[in-house]
Amino acid sequence: MNFKKFFTKATESGITECEISYSKSSSFSISLFKGEIDNYSSSSKTGILARGVYNGKFGLCTTEKDDRSSIDYLINGIKETATIVESDEEPILFEGSKKYHKGS
């Protein structure tokens, strides 16, 4: 996914604050019986979570699809869910820390 394009399009569509979380995992398993392959499986999974503020309301959207349509889908999902929020509470997104500990 082109994250820069996502943030640019989100801003252009009226989303004032936004964040995105992207994860990808894969697995492979195999079982043998008497020295022969009995069963195997291989899988890959992608997860994308986008959150943002639209018209002062908080919205979010998730997808497992990572292709050209994902950016528009996530932006429209944020806007759509934000329009049904009934809370008047001000939405807050974590701005990040000034300093992060480096892992080993």
N, C-alpha and C. Protein backbone atom coordinates (compact mmCIF):
# COMPACT_ATOMS: atom_id res chain seq x y z
N MET A 1 0.84 -1.18 0.00
CA MET A 1 0.00 0.00 0.00
C MET A 1 0.89 1.24 0.00
N ASN A 2 0.46 2.22 -0.74
CA ASN A 2 1.18 3.49 -0.79
C ASN A 2 0.63 4.38 0.33
N PHE A 3 1.34 4.41 1.45
CA PHE A 3 0.86 5.15 2.63
C PHE A 3 0.80 6.64 2.38
N LYS A 4 1.77 7.18 1.66
CA LYS A 4 1.77 8.62 1.37
C LYS A 4 0.52 8.99 0.57
N LYS A 5 0.16 8.16 -0.39
CA LYS A 5 -1.04 8.41 -1.19
C LYS A 5 -2.29 8.34 -0.32
N PHE A 6 -2.32 7.37 0.61
CA PHE A 6 -3.47 7.27 1.52
C PHE A 6 -3.65 8.56 2.31
N PHE A 7 -2.56 9.05 2.94
CA PHE A 7 -2.67 10.26 3.76
C PHE A 7 -3.03 11.49 2.92
N THR A 8 -2.49 11.59 1.72
CA THR A 8 -2.82 12.71 0.83
C THR A 8 -4.30 12.68 0.46
N LYS A 9 -4.79 11.52 0.02
CA LYS A 9 -6.20 11.41 -0.38
C LYS A 9 -7.14 11.59 0.81
N ALA A 10 -6.73 11.10 1.98
CA ALA A 10 -7.57 11.26 3.17
C ALA A 10 -7.73 12.74 3.51
N THR A 11 -6.63 13.48 3.47
CA THR A 11 -6.68 14.92 3.75
C THR A 11 -7.54 15.64 2.71
N GLU A 12 -7.36 15.29 1.45
CA GLU A 12 -8.14 15.92 0.38
C GLU A 12 -9.63 15.64 0.51
N SER A 13 -9.99 14.52 1.13
CA SER A 13 -11.40 14.16 1.26
C SER A 13 -12.03 14.65 2.56
N GLY A 14 -11.28 15.46 3.33
CA GLY A 14 -11.86 16.08 4.52
C GLY A 14 -11.55 15.38 5.82
N ILE A 15 -10.72 14.37 5.80
CA ILE A 15 -10.32 13.70 7.05
C ILE A 15 -9.18 14.50 7.66
N THR A 16 -9.41 15.05 8.84
CA THR A 16 -8.45 15.99 9.43
C THR A 16 -7.30 15.31 10.14
N GLU A 17 -7.54 14.18 10.77
CA GLU A 17 -6.49 13.42 11.45
C GLU A 17 -6.69 11.97 11.05
N CYS A 18 -5.59 11.27 10.81
CA CYS A 18 -5.75 9.85 10.49
C CYS A 18 -4.50 9.07 10.81
N GLU A 19 -4.71 7.77 10.95
CA GLU A 19 -3.60 6.85 11.19
C GLU A 19 -3.94 5.54 10.51
N ILE A 20 -2.89 4.79 10.23
CA ILE A 20 -3.09 3.51 9.57
C ILE A 20 -2.18 2.47 10.22
N SER A 21 -2.71 1.27 10.34
CA SER A 21 -1.95 0.16 10.90
C SER A 21 -1.98 -0.96 9.85
N TYR A 22 -0.79 -1.49 9.54
CA TYR A 22 -0.67 -2.49 8.48
C TYR A 22 0.05 -3.71 9.05
N SER A 23 -0.51 -4.88 8.84
CA SER A 23 0.16 -6.11 9.29
C SER A 23 0.07 -7.16 8.20
N LYS A 24 1.09 -7.98 8.14
CA LYS A 24 1.12 -9.07 7.17
C LYS A 24 1.79 -10.27 7.83
N SER A 25 1.19 -11.43 7.67
CA SER A 25 1.76 -12.64 8.24
C SER A 25 1.59 -13.79 7.26
N SER A 26 2.45 -14.76 7.41
CA SER A 26 2.34 -15.95 6.58
C SER A 26 2.69 -17.17 7.44
N SER A 27 2.17 -18.30 7.03
CA SER A 27 2.47 -19.53 7.77
C SER A 27 2.53 -20.71 6.80
N PHE A 28 3.26 -21.71 7.22
CA PHE A 28 3.40 -22.94 6.45
C PHE A 28 3.49 -24.09 7.43
N SER A 29 2.72 -25.13 7.20
CA SER A 29 2.81 -26.31 8.07
C SER A 29 2.78 -27.56 7.19
N ILE A 30 3.43 -28.57 7.70
CA ILE A 30 3.53 -29.83 6.96
C ILE A 30 3.48 -30.97 7.97
N SER A 31 2.82 -32.04 7.59
CA SER A 31 2.82 -33.23 8.44
C SER A 31 3.25 -34.44 7.59
N LEU A 32 4.01 -35.29 8.23
CA LEU A 32 4.54 -36.47 7.56
C LEU A 32 3.96 -37.72 8.20
N PHE A 33 3.76 -38.72 7.40
CA PHE A 33 3.33 -40.03 7.88
C PHE A 33 4.17 -41.09 7.18
N LYS A 34 4.93 -41.83 7.96
CA LYS A 34 5.83 -42.87 7.44
C LYS A 34 6.77 -42.32 6.38
N GLY A 35 7.32 -41.12 6.65
CA GLY A 35 8.31 -40.52 5.77
C GLY A 35 7.74 -39.88 4.51
N GLU A 36 6.44 -39.86 4.37
CA GLU A 36 5.79 -39.24 3.21
C GLU A 36 4.96 -38.04 3.66
N ILE A 37 4.86 -37.06 2.80
CA ILE A 37 4.03 -35.90 3.12
C ILE A 37 2.57 -36.34 3.19
N ASP A 38 1.98 -36.11 4.34
CA ASP A 38 0.59 -36.49 4.56
C ASP A 38 -0.34 -35.31 4.30
N ASN A 39 0.11 -34.12 4.73
CA ASN A 39 -0.72 -32.93 4.60
C ASN A 39 0.17 -31.71 4.69
N TYR A 40 -0.22 -30.65 4.01
CA TYR A 40 0.50 -29.38 4.16
C TYR A 40 -0.46 -28.23 3.91
N SER A 41 -0.11 -27.10 4.44
CA SER A 41 -0.91 -25.89 4.20
C SER A 41 0.01 -24.68 4.21
N SER A 42 -0.37 -23.71 3.43
CA SER A 42 0.37 -22.46 3.33
C SER A 42 -0.65 -21.33 3.27
N SER A 43 -0.41 -20.28 4.04
CA SER A 43 -1.36 -19.17 4.04
C SER A 43 -0.64 -17.85 4.24
N SER A 44 -1.28 -16.81 3.79
CA SER A 44 -0.77 -15.45 3.96
C SER A 44 -1.96 -14.56 4.27
N LYS A 45 -1.78 -13.64 5.20
CA LYS A 45 -2.88 -12.78 5.61
C LYS A 45 -2.39 -11.35 5.77
N THR A 46 -3.14 -10.42 5.23
CA THR A 46 -2.86 -9.00 5.36
C THR A 46 -4.00 -8.35 6.12
N GLY A 47 -3.69 -7.42 6.98
CA GLY A 47 -4.70 -6.68 7.71
C GLY A 47 -4.36 -5.19 7.71
N ILE A 48 -5.33 -4.38 7.36
CA ILE A 48 -5.13 -2.93 7.34
C ILE A 48 -6.26 -2.29 8.14
N LEU A 49 -5.88 -1.47 9.11
CA LEU A 49 -6.84 -0.71 9.92
C LEU A 49 -6.55 0.76 9.73
N ALA A 50 -7.55 1.52 9.35
CA ALA A 50 -7.41 2.96 9.18
C ALA A 50 -8.42 3.65 10.09
N ARG A 51 -7.95 4.67 10.80
CA ARG A 51 -8.81 5.45 11.69
C ARG A 51 -8.61 6.92 11.38
N GLY A 52 -9.66 7.70 11.57
CA GLY A 52 -9.53 9.12 11.31
C GLY A 52 -10.70 9.93 11.84
N VAL A 53 -10.55 11.24 11.74
CA VAL A 53 -11.57 12.18 12.19
C VAL A 53 -12.16 12.87 10.97
N TYR A 54 -13.48 12.78 10.85
CA TYR A 54 -14.20 13.39 9.73
C TYR A 54 -15.38 14.18 10.29
N ASN A 55 -15.44 15.45 9.98
CA ASN A 55 -16.49 16.35 10.50
C ASN A 55 -16.58 16.28 12.02
N GLY A 56 -15.43 16.20 12.67
CA GLY A 56 -15.38 16.20 14.13
C GLY A 56 -15.76 14.88 14.78
N LYS A 57 -15.97 13.84 14.00
CA LYS A 57 -16.36 12.54 14.52
C LYS A 57 -15.30 11.50 14.13
N PHE A 58 -15.18 10.50 14.97
CA PHE A 58 -14.19 9.45 14.77
C PHE A 58 -14.77 8.32 13.91
N GLY A 59 -14.00 7.88 12.92
CA GLY A 59 -14.43 6.77 12.08
C GLY A 59 -13.28 5.80 11.86
N LEU A 60 -13.63 4.57 11.53
CA LEU A 60 -12.59 3.58 11.25
C LEU A 60 -13.07 2.59 10.21
N CYS A 61 -12.09 1.92 9.60
CA CYS A 61 -12.39 0.92 8.59
C CYS A 61 -11.25 -0.09 8.55
N THR A 62 -11.58 -1.34 8.29
CA THR A 62 -10.56 -2.38 8.16
C THR A 62 -10.76 -3.15 6.86
N THR A 63 -9.69 -3.73 6.38
CA THR A 63 -9.75 -4.60 5.21
C THR A 63 -8.59 -5.58 5.24
N GLU A 64 -8.76 -6.69 4.56
CA GLU A 64 -7.68 -7.65 4.37
C GLU A 64 -7.14 -7.55 2.95
N LYS A 65 -7.76 -6.70 2.17
CA LYS A 65 -7.39 -6.55 0.77
C LYS A 65 -6.36 -5.43 0.62
N ASP A 66 -5.29 -5.69 -0.09
CA ASP A 66 -4.25 -4.68 -0.32
C ASP A 66 -4.04 -4.55 -1.83
N ASP A 67 -4.86 -3.71 -2.44
CA ASP A 67 -4.72 -3.45 -3.87
C ASP A 67 -5.09 -1.99 -4.15
N ARG A 68 -5.23 -1.63 -5.40
CA ARG A 68 -5.50 -0.23 -5.77
C ARG A 68 -6.77 0.33 -5.15
N SER A 69 -7.76 -0.51 -4.96
CA SER A 69 -9.04 -0.03 -4.43
C SER A 69 -9.04 0.16 -2.92
N SER A 70 -8.02 -0.33 -2.24
CA SER A 70 -8.01 -0.30 -0.78
C SER A 70 -8.01 1.11 -0.20
N ILE A 71 -7.26 2.01 -0.82
CA ILE A 71 -7.18 3.38 -0.30
C ILE A 71 -8.55 4.04 -0.30
N ASP A 72 -9.24 4.01 -1.41
CA ASP A 72 -10.57 4.62 -1.48
C ASP A 72 -11.56 3.92 -0.56
N TYR A 73 -11.46 2.60 -0.48
CA TYR A 73 -12.34 1.84 0.40
C TYR A 73 -12.16 2.27 1.85
N LEU A 74 -10.92 2.39 2.30
CA LEU A 74 -10.64 2.77 3.69
C LEU A 74 -11.10 4.20 3.97
N ILE A 75 -10.83 5.11 3.06
CA ILE A 75 -11.25 6.51 3.25
C ILE A 75 -12.77 6.61 3.31
N ASN A 76 -13.45 5.95 2.39
CA ASN A 76 -14.92 5.98 2.40
C ASN A 76 -15.47 5.33 3.67
N GLY A 77 -14.81 4.28 4.14
CA GLY A 77 -15.24 3.62 5.37
C GLY A 77 -15.09 4.51 6.59
N ILE A 78 -13.98 5.24 6.67
CA ILE A 78 -13.79 6.19 7.77
C ILE A 78 -14.90 7.24 7.75
N LYS A 79 -15.16 7.80 6.59
CA LYS A 79 -16.19 8.84 6.47
C LYS A 79 -17.58 8.30 6.81
N GLU A 80 -17.86 7.10 6.32
CA GLU A 80 -19.18 6.50 6.55
C GLU A 80 -19.41 6.20 8.03
N THR A 81 -18.43 5.60 8.69
CA THR A 81 -18.62 5.28 10.11
C THR A 81 -18.63 6.54 10.97
N ALA A 82 -17.90 7.56 10.55
CA ALA A 82 -17.91 8.82 11.31
C ALA A 82 -19.28 9.50 11.26
N THR A 83 -20.00 9.32 10.16
CA THR A 83 -21.30 9.98 10.04
C THR A 83 -22.37 9.34 10.92
N ILE A 84 -22.15 8.11 11.39
CA ILE A 84 -23.16 7.47 12.24
C ILE A 84 -22.83 7.54 13.73
N VAL A 85 -21.71 8.15 14.07
CA VAL A 85 -21.33 8.30 15.47
C VAL A 85 -22.27 9.29 16.14
N GLU A 86 -22.83 8.91 17.28
CA GLU A 86 -23.76 9.77 18.00
C GLU A 86 -23.11 10.52 19.16
N SER A 87 -21.92 10.13 19.54
CA SER A 87 -21.23 10.74 20.67
C SER A 87 -20.75 12.15 20.32
N ASP A 88 -20.85 13.04 21.29
CA ASP A 88 -20.35 14.41 21.12
C ASP A 88 -18.95 14.55 21.70
N GLU A 89 -18.39 13.45 22.17
CA GLU A 89 -17.05 13.47 22.74
C GLU A 89 -16.02 13.75 21.65
N GLU A 90 -15.05 14.61 21.98
CA GLU A 90 -14.02 14.97 21.00
C GLU A 90 -13.12 13.78 20.71
N PRO A 91 -12.95 13.42 19.42
CA PRO A 91 -12.08 12.30 19.09
C PRO A 91 -10.61 12.66 19.26
N ILE A 92 -9.83 11.71 19.79
CA ILE A 92 -8.41 11.96 20.01
C ILE A 92 -7.62 10.80 19.42
N LEU A 93 -6.64 11.12 18.60
CA LEU A 93 -5.70 10.13 18.09
C LEU A 93 -4.36 10.39 18.74
N PHE A 94 -3.67 9.33 19.12
CA PHE A 94 -2.36 9.45 19.75
C PHE A 94 -1.38 10.10 18.79
N GLU A 95 -0.74 11.18 19.22
CA GLU A 95 0.17 11.94 18.36
C GLU A 95 1.55 11.32 18.26
N GLY A 96 1.83 10.34 19.07
CA GLY A 96 3.15 9.70 19.06
C GLY A 96 3.97 10.23 20.21
N SER A 97 5.04 9.55 20.48
CA SER A 97 5.95 9.95 21.57
C SER A 97 7.09 10.78 21.01
N LYS A 98 7.65 11.61 21.85
CA LYS A 98 8.82 12.41 21.47
C LYS A 98 10.05 11.54 21.31
N LYS A 99 10.09 10.42 22.06
CA LYS A 99 11.26 9.57 22.04
C LYS A 99 10.81 8.12 22.15
N TYR A 100 11.45 7.25 21.37
CA TYR A 100 11.13 5.83 21.38
C TYR A 100 12.40 5.03 21.74
N HIS A 101 12.21 3.99 22.50
CA HIS A 101 13.30 3.11 22.88
C HIS A 101 13.66 2.22 21.69
N LYS A 102 14.95 2.13 21.39
CA LYS A 102 15.40 1.27 20.30
C LYS A 102 15.46 -0.16 20.78
N GLY A 103 14.87 -1.06 19.99
CA GLY A 103 14.93 -2.47 20.32
C GLY A 103 16.26 -3.07 19.96
N SER A 104 16.51 -4.23 20.49
CA SER A 104 17.82 -4.87 20.20
C SER A 104 17.75 -5.76 19.00
